[in-house]
Amino acid sequence: MNNSTTTIKGQEQAKFAYDCAKKGSEINKKKEYKSYVNKIPMLIKTNGLGSTFAFIKSKSSDDENKAGYAYCLIYNQIKEWLRKDERKCIKLNDNDDLVNEIISLNSPEYRAVTIEVLAFFNWLRRFAEGLIGGETEI
């Protein structure tokens, strides 16, 4: 039963990641989006989840014509995925600050959320590569 639950979870995660990558492929800064999606997992592994999302948030911009818009989109997509996560590794409401919630976690929760985010990025990278294609910038 655990294996089928994992498979269903993986399918839901893949579908959500596909939808996110599709949205990323439709923005003006799609090459930046693809590049950031590829590099964020290494930033998480090197610097930790909290530091990485603090960095992403600091680089975010609501202006679709700026490179920071890709960071903003990724930040919001991860926040939305974590809000939808059935296991509720992290409890997020619409107005909650993702960085604040991440750094407030205890150690086992922090590890669980890190694993969840890295698994999500695994799917997101694959779909971004397929939907956006071409060489990455930056």
N, C-alpha and C. Protein backbone atom coordinates (compact mmCIF):
# COMPACT_ATOMS: atom_id res chain seq x y z
N MET A 1 0.81 -1.19 0.00
CA MET A 1 0.00 0.00 0.00
C MET A 1 0.86 1.26 0.00
N ASN A 2 1.96 1.24 0.71
CA ASN A 2 2.85 2.38 0.75
C ASN A 2 3.42 2.69 -0.64
N ASN A 3 3.74 1.65 -1.41
CA ASN A 3 4.28 1.85 -2.75
C ASN A 3 3.27 2.52 -3.67
N SER A 4 1.99 2.12 -3.60
CA SER A 4 0.97 2.75 -4.44
C SER A 4 0.74 4.20 -4.02
N THR A 5 0.82 4.49 -2.73
CA THR A 5 0.68 5.86 -2.26
C THR A 5 1.82 6.71 -2.79
N THR A 6 3.03 6.16 -2.76
CA THR A 6 4.19 6.87 -3.30
C THR A 6 4.02 7.13 -4.79
N THR A 7 3.50 6.15 -5.52
CA THR A 7 3.28 6.31 -6.95
C THR A 7 2.25 7.40 -7.24
N ILE A 8 1.16 7.40 -6.50
CA ILE A 8 0.14 8.43 -6.67
C ILE A 8 0.72 9.80 -6.36
N LYS A 9 1.48 9.88 -5.28
CA LYS A 9 2.11 11.14 -4.90
C LYS A 9 3.05 11.60 -6.01
N GLY A 10 3.81 10.68 -6.57
CA GLY A 10 4.72 11.02 -7.66
C GLY A 10 3.98 11.51 -8.89
N GLN A 11 2.84 10.92 -9.18
CA GLN A 11 2.05 11.36 -10.33
C GLN A 11 1.47 12.75 -10.11
N GLU A 12 1.00 13.01 -8.91
CA GLU A 12 0.48 14.33 -8.59
C GLU A 12 1.59 15.38 -8.67
N GLN A 13 2.74 15.01 -8.14
CA GLN A 13 3.88 15.92 -8.16
C GLN A 13 4.31 16.19 -9.60
N ALA A 14 4.35 15.14 -10.42
CA ALA A 14 4.73 15.29 -11.82
C ALA A 14 3.74 16.19 -12.56
N LYS A 15 2.46 16.00 -12.33
CA LYS A 15 1.45 16.82 -13.00
C LYS A 15 1.58 18.28 -12.60
N PHE A 16 1.74 18.53 -11.31
CA PHE A 16 1.89 19.91 -10.84
C PHE A 16 3.17 20.53 -11.41
N ALA A 17 4.27 19.76 -11.43
CA ALA A 17 5.54 20.25 -11.97
C ALA A 17 5.41 20.56 -13.46
N TYR A 18 4.70 19.71 -14.18
CA TYR A 18 4.48 19.96 -15.61
C TYR A 18 3.73 21.28 -15.81
N ASP A 19 2.68 21.49 -15.03
CA ASP A 19 1.91 22.73 -15.13
C ASP A 19 2.78 23.95 -14.82
N CYS A 20 3.66 23.80 -13.83
CA CYS A 20 4.57 24.89 -13.48
C CYS A 20 5.56 25.17 -14.61
N ALA A 21 6.15 24.12 -15.16
CA ALA A 21 7.10 24.29 -16.26
C ALA A 21 6.42 24.88 -17.48
N LYS A 22 5.19 24.48 -17.73
CA LYS A 22 4.42 25.04 -18.85
C LYS A 22 4.25 26.54 -18.66
N LYS A 23 3.89 26.94 -17.44
CA LYS A 23 3.77 28.37 -17.15
C LYS A 23 5.12 29.06 -17.33
N GLY A 24 6.19 28.43 -16.88
CA GLY A 24 7.53 28.99 -17.06
C GLY A 24 7.93 29.13 -18.51
N SER A 25 7.44 28.23 -19.36
CA SER A 25 7.76 28.28 -20.78
C SER A 25 7.00 29.37 -21.52
N GLU A 26 6.02 29.95 -20.85
CA GLU A 26 5.18 30.98 -21.49
C GLU A 26 5.56 32.40 -21.09
N ILE A 27 6.53 32.56 -20.19
CA ILE A 27 6.90 33.91 -19.76
C ILE A 27 8.00 34.47 -20.67
N ASN A 28 8.19 35.78 -20.61
CA ASN A 28 9.23 36.44 -21.42
C ASN A 28 10.63 35.94 -21.07
N LYS A 29 10.87 35.64 -19.83
CA LYS A 29 12.20 35.24 -19.36
C LYS A 29 12.27 33.72 -19.17
N LYS A 30 11.79 32.97 -20.17
CA LYS A 30 11.75 31.52 -20.03
C LYS A 30 13.14 30.88 -19.96
N LYS A 31 14.13 31.45 -20.63
CA LYS A 31 15.49 30.89 -20.56
C LYS A 31 16.05 31.05 -19.15
N GLU A 32 15.77 32.19 -18.53
CA GLU A 32 16.20 32.39 -17.15
C GLU A 32 15.49 31.41 -16.23
N TYR A 33 14.19 31.23 -16.45
CA TYR A 33 13.41 30.28 -15.65
C TYR A 33 14.07 28.90 -15.71
N LYS A 34 14.36 28.43 -16.90
CA LYS A 34 14.98 27.11 -17.07
C LYS A 34 16.34 27.06 -16.37
N SER A 35 17.12 28.10 -16.51
CA SER A 35 18.44 28.14 -15.88
C SER A 35 18.32 28.09 -14.36
N TYR A 36 17.41 28.86 -13.80
CA TYR A 36 17.23 28.89 -12.35
C TYR A 36 16.72 27.55 -11.83
N VAL A 37 15.80 26.95 -12.56
CA VAL A 37 15.26 25.64 -12.16
C VAL A 37 16.39 24.61 -12.12
N ASN A 38 17.35 24.73 -13.02
CA ASN A 38 18.48 23.81 -13.05
C ASN A 38 19.47 24.05 -11.91
N LYS A 39 19.64 25.30 -11.51
CA LYS A 39 20.67 25.59 -10.51
C LYS A 39 20.17 25.61 -9.07
N ILE A 40 18.89 25.80 -8.85
CA ILE A 40 18.37 25.89 -7.48
C ILE A 40 18.61 24.63 -6.65
N PRO A 41 18.44 23.41 -7.20
CA PRO A 41 18.71 22.23 -6.36
C PRO A 41 20.14 22.20 -5.80
N MET A 42 21.11 22.61 -6.59
CA MET A 42 22.48 22.64 -6.08
C MET A 42 22.64 23.72 -5.02
N LEU A 43 21.95 24.85 -5.19
CA LEU A 43 21.99 25.89 -4.16
C LEU A 43 21.41 25.36 -2.85
N ILE A 44 20.32 24.60 -2.95
CA ILE A 44 19.71 24.02 -1.75
C ILE A 44 20.68 23.05 -1.08
N LYS A 45 21.33 22.19 -1.86
CA LYS A 45 22.26 21.21 -1.31
C LYS A 45 23.49 21.88 -0.69
N THR A 46 23.91 22.98 -1.28
CA THR A 46 25.11 23.68 -0.81
C THR A 46 24.82 24.61 0.37
N ASN A 47 23.74 25.37 0.27
CA ASN A 47 23.48 26.45 1.24
C ASN A 47 22.32 26.18 2.19
N GLY A 48 21.52 25.18 1.88
CA GLY A 48 20.35 24.89 2.70
C GLY A 48 19.09 25.50 2.10
N LEU A 49 17.96 24.96 2.48
CA LEU A 49 16.68 25.39 1.94
C LEU A 49 16.35 26.82 2.33
N GLY A 50 16.51 27.16 3.59
CA GLY A 50 16.18 28.51 4.06
C GLY A 50 17.00 29.58 3.36
N SER A 51 18.29 29.39 3.29
CA SER A 51 19.17 30.37 2.64
C SER A 51 18.85 30.51 1.16
N THR A 52 18.58 29.38 0.52
CA THR A 52 18.28 29.41 -0.92
C THR A 52 16.99 30.17 -1.19
N PHE A 53 15.96 29.91 -0.40
CA PHE A 53 14.71 30.62 -0.64
C PHE A 53 14.76 32.08 -0.20
N ALA A 54 15.62 32.41 0.75
CA ALA A 54 15.84 33.82 1.08
C ALA A 54 16.50 34.51 -0.11
N PHE A 55 17.46 33.85 -0.75
CA PHE A 55 18.12 34.37 -1.94
C PHE A 55 17.11 34.55 -3.08
N ILE A 56 16.30 33.52 -3.32
CA ILE A 56 15.29 33.59 -4.40
C ILE A 56 14.33 34.74 -4.16
N LYS A 57 13.90 34.87 -2.92
CA LYS A 57 12.96 35.95 -2.59
C LYS A 57 13.62 37.32 -2.81
N SER A 58 14.89 37.45 -2.47
CA SER A 58 15.58 38.73 -2.64
C SER A 58 15.76 39.10 -4.11
N LYS A 59 15.82 38.11 -4.98
CA LYS A 59 16.01 38.34 -6.41
C LYS A 59 14.69 38.46 -7.17
N SER A 60 13.57 38.19 -6.49
CA SER A 60 12.26 38.18 -7.14
C SER A 60 11.80 39.57 -7.55
N SER A 61 11.08 39.61 -8.68
CA SER A 61 10.48 40.84 -9.18
C SER A 61 9.11 40.52 -9.77
N ASP A 62 8.15 41.41 -9.56
CA ASP A 62 6.82 41.22 -10.13
C ASP A 62 6.75 41.67 -11.58
N ASP A 63 7.81 42.31 -12.07
CA ASP A 63 7.85 42.81 -13.45
C ASP A 63 8.26 41.68 -14.39
N GLU A 64 7.34 41.26 -15.26
CA GLU A 64 7.60 40.12 -16.14
C GLU A 64 8.75 40.36 -17.11
N ASN A 65 9.15 41.61 -17.32
CA ASN A 65 10.23 41.90 -18.24
C ASN A 65 11.60 41.86 -17.59
N LYS A 66 11.66 41.58 -16.30
CA LYS A 66 12.93 41.48 -15.59
C LYS A 66 13.24 40.03 -15.27
N ALA A 67 14.52 39.70 -15.19
CA ALA A 67 14.93 38.33 -14.90
C ALA A 67 14.40 37.86 -13.55
N GLY A 68 14.23 38.78 -12.62
CA GLY A 68 13.72 38.44 -11.30
C GLY A 68 12.31 37.87 -11.32
N TYR A 69 11.60 38.06 -12.43
CA TYR A 69 10.25 37.51 -12.54
C TYR A 69 10.29 35.98 -12.54
N ALA A 70 11.32 35.42 -13.16
CA ALA A 70 11.47 33.95 -13.16
C ALA A 70 11.66 33.45 -11.73
N TYR A 71 12.46 34.15 -10.94
CA TYR A 71 12.63 33.77 -9.54
C TYR A 71 11.30 33.88 -8.78
N CYS A 72 10.57 34.95 -9.04
CA CYS A 72 9.28 35.17 -8.39
C CYS A 72 8.32 34.03 -8.72
N LEU A 73 8.29 33.64 -9.97
CA LEU A 73 7.41 32.55 -10.39
C LEU A 73 7.79 31.24 -9.70
N ILE A 74 9.07 30.93 -9.67
CA ILE A 74 9.54 29.71 -9.02
C ILE A 74 9.20 29.73 -7.52
N TYR A 75 9.45 30.84 -6.87
CA TYR A 75 9.14 30.99 -5.45
C TYR A 75 7.66 30.70 -5.19
N ASN A 76 6.80 31.30 -5.98
CA ASN A 76 5.36 31.11 -5.81
C ASN A 76 4.92 29.70 -6.16
N GLN A 77 5.56 29.09 -7.16
CA GLN A 77 5.21 27.71 -7.52
C GLN A 77 5.58 26.74 -6.40
N ILE A 78 6.74 26.92 -5.80
CA ILE A 78 7.15 26.04 -4.70
C ILE A 78 6.23 26.26 -3.50
N LYS A 79 5.91 27.50 -3.23
CA LYS A 79 4.99 27.79 -2.13
C LYS A 79 3.65 27.10 -2.36
N GLU A 80 3.15 27.18 -3.58
CA GLU A 80 1.87 26.54 -3.90
C GLU A 80 1.95 25.02 -3.77
N TRP A 81 3.06 24.44 -4.24
CA TRP A 81 3.21 22.99 -4.10
C TRP A 81 3.22 22.57 -2.64
N LEU A 82 3.95 23.28 -1.82
CA LEU A 82 4.02 22.94 -0.41
C LEU A 82 2.67 23.14 0.29
N ARG A 83 1.91 24.13 -0.16
CA ARG A 83 0.57 24.31 0.40
C ARG A 83 -0.34 23.13 0.06
N LYS A 84 -0.15 22.55 -1.14
CA LYS A 84 -0.98 21.44 -1.59
C LYS A 84 -0.52 20.08 -1.06
N ASP A 85 0.69 20.00 -0.56
CA ASP A 85 1.28 18.74 -0.14
C ASP A 85 0.40 18.06 0.91
N GLU A 86 -0.01 16.85 0.59
CA GLU A 86 -0.91 16.09 1.48
C GLU A 86 -0.26 15.75 2.82
N ARG A 87 1.03 15.51 2.81
CA ARG A 87 1.71 15.12 4.04
C ARG A 87 1.86 16.28 5.01
N LYS A 88 1.69 17.47 4.50
CA LYS A 88 1.76 18.68 5.31
C LYS A 88 3.05 18.77 6.12
N CYS A 89 4.16 18.64 5.42
CA CYS A 89 5.46 18.82 6.05
C CYS A 89 5.59 20.24 6.59
N ILE A 90 4.90 21.14 5.93
CA ILE A 90 4.91 22.55 6.32
C ILE A 90 3.49 23.07 6.15
N LYS A 91 3.03 23.84 7.09
CA LYS A 91 1.68 24.38 7.01
C LYS A 91 1.75 25.82 6.52
N LEU A 92 1.19 26.05 5.34
CA LEU A 92 1.23 27.38 4.74
C LEU A 92 -0.18 27.85 4.41
N ASN A 93 -0.45 29.09 4.72
CA ASN A 93 -1.66 29.74 4.27
C ASN A 93 -1.30 30.64 3.10
N ASP A 94 -2.29 31.21 2.45
CA ASP A 94 -2.04 32.07 1.29
C ASP A 94 -1.07 33.20 1.58
N ASN A 95 -1.21 33.83 2.72
CA ASN A 95 -0.42 35.02 3.03
C ASN A 95 0.86 34.74 3.82
N ASP A 96 1.14 33.49 4.12
CA ASP A 96 2.34 33.16 4.88
C ASP A 96 3.60 33.39 4.04
N ASP A 97 4.65 33.83 4.71
CA ASP A 97 5.94 34.02 4.06
C ASP A 97 6.69 32.68 4.07
N LEU A 98 7.01 32.18 2.91
CA LEU A 98 7.65 30.87 2.79
C LEU A 98 8.97 30.82 3.54
N VAL A 99 9.79 31.83 3.39
CA VAL A 99 11.10 31.83 4.06
C VAL A 99 10.93 31.77 5.58
N ASN A 100 10.04 32.57 6.10
CA ASN A 100 9.80 32.58 7.54
C ASN A 100 9.32 31.22 8.03
N GLU A 101 8.44 30.59 7.28
CA GLU A 101 7.93 29.28 7.67
C GLU A 101 9.04 28.23 7.61
N ILE A 102 9.89 28.29 6.60
CA ILE A 102 10.99 27.32 6.47
C ILE A 102 11.95 27.43 7.64
N ILE A 103 12.36 28.66 7.96
CA ILE A 103 13.37 28.81 9.02
C ILE A 103 12.79 28.57 10.41
N SER A 104 11.46 28.50 10.50
CA SER A 104 10.81 28.23 11.79
C SER A 104 10.62 26.73 12.05
N LEU A 105 10.94 25.90 11.08
CA LEU A 105 10.74 24.45 11.23
C LEU A 105 11.76 23.85 12.18
N ASN A 106 11.37 22.76 12.84
CA ASN A 106 12.37 22.02 13.61
C ASN A 106 13.18 21.16 12.63
N SER A 107 14.25 20.56 13.10
CA SER A 107 15.19 19.87 12.23
C SER A 107 14.56 18.74 11.39
N PRO A 108 13.78 17.83 11.97
CA PRO A 108 13.17 16.78 11.15
C PRO A 108 12.19 17.33 10.09
N GLU A 109 11.43 18.35 10.44
CA GLU A 109 10.52 18.97 9.48
C GLU A 109 11.30 19.66 8.36
N TYR A 110 12.38 20.33 8.74
CA TYR A 110 13.22 21.02 7.76
C TYR A 110 13.78 20.03 6.75
N ARG A 111 14.26 18.89 7.24
CA ARG A 111 14.78 17.85 6.34
C ARG A 111 13.67 17.31 5.43
N ALA A 112 12.49 17.09 6.00
CA ALA A 112 11.37 16.56 5.21
C ALA A 112 10.97 17.54 4.10
N VAL A 113 10.91 18.82 4.42
CA VAL A 113 10.56 19.82 3.41
C VAL A 113 11.66 19.92 2.36
N THR A 114 12.91 19.85 2.79
CA THR A 114 14.02 19.88 1.83
C THR A 114 13.92 18.72 0.86
N ILE A 115 13.66 17.53 1.34
CA ILE A 115 13.52 16.35 0.48
C ILE A 115 12.35 16.54 -0.49
N GLU A 116 11.24 17.06 0.01
CA GLU A 116 10.06 17.30 -0.82
C GLU A 116 10.36 18.30 -1.93
N VAL A 117 11.03 19.38 -1.59
CA VAL A 117 11.35 20.42 -2.58
C VAL A 117 12.33 19.89 -3.62
N LEU A 118 13.33 19.14 -3.19
CA LEU A 118 14.29 18.58 -4.14
C LEU A 118 13.61 17.57 -5.08
N ALA A 119 12.69 16.78 -4.56
CA ALA A 119 11.95 15.84 -5.41
C ALA A 119 11.11 16.60 -6.43
N PHE A 120 10.49 17.68 -5.99
CA PHE A 120 9.70 18.50 -6.90
C PHE A 120 10.58 19.10 -7.99
N PHE A 121 11.75 19.62 -7.61
CA PHE A 121 12.67 20.18 -8.61
C PHE A 121 13.16 19.15 -9.60
N ASN A 122 13.27 17.90 -9.18
CA ASN A 122 13.66 16.85 -10.10
C ASN A 122 12.68 16.77 -11.28
N TRP A 123 11.39 16.80 -10.96
CA TRP A 123 10.37 16.81 -12.01
C TRP A 123 10.39 18.13 -12.79
N LEU A 124 10.46 19.22 -12.08
CA LEU A 124 10.40 20.54 -12.72
C LEU A 124 11.54 20.73 -13.72
N ARG A 125 12.74 20.28 -13.37
CA ARG A 125 13.89 20.38 -14.28
C ARG A 125 13.64 19.60 -15.56
N ARG A 126 13.13 18.40 -15.42
CA ARG A 126 12.88 17.56 -16.60
C ARG A 126 11.88 18.23 -17.54
N PHE A 127 10.79 18.73 -16.98
CA PHE A 127 9.77 19.34 -17.82
C PHE A 127 10.22 20.67 -18.40
N ALA A 128 10.96 21.46 -17.64
CA ALA A 128 11.47 22.73 -18.15
C ALA A 128 12.42 22.47 -19.32
N GLU A 129 13.25 21.45 -19.19
CA GLU A 129 14.17 21.09 -20.28
C GLU A 129 13.40 20.73 -21.54
N GLY A 130 12.36 19.94 -21.38
CA GLY A 130 11.58 19.51 -22.54
C GLY A 130 10.72 20.61 -23.15
N LEU A 131 10.14 21.45 -22.33
CA LEU A 131 9.24 22.48 -22.82
C LEU A 131 9.96 23.72 -23.32
N ILE A 132 11.08 24.04 -22.71
CA ILE A 132 11.79 25.27 -23.08
C ILE A 132 12.90 24.98 -24.08
N GLY A 133 13.65 23.89 -23.85
CA GLY A 133 14.70 23.51 -24.79
C GLY A 133 15.76 24.56 -24.94
N GLY A 134 16.66 24.36 -25.90
CA GLY A 134 17.72 25.31 -26.18
C GLY A 134 18.74 25.40 -25.07
N GLU A 135 19.68 26.28 -25.25
CA GLU A 135 20.74 26.49 -24.25
C GLU A 135 20.23 27.37 -23.13
N THR A 136 20.71 27.10 -21.92
CA THR A 136 20.37 27.94 -20.79
C THR A 136 21.26 29.16 -20.79
N GLU A 137 20.75 30.23 -20.21
CA GLU A 137 21.54 31.45 -20.07
C GLU A 137 22.03 31.55 -18.64
N ILE A 138 22.97 32.40 -18.42
CA ILE A 138 23.51 32.74 -17.11
C ILE A 138 24.51 31.75 -16.60
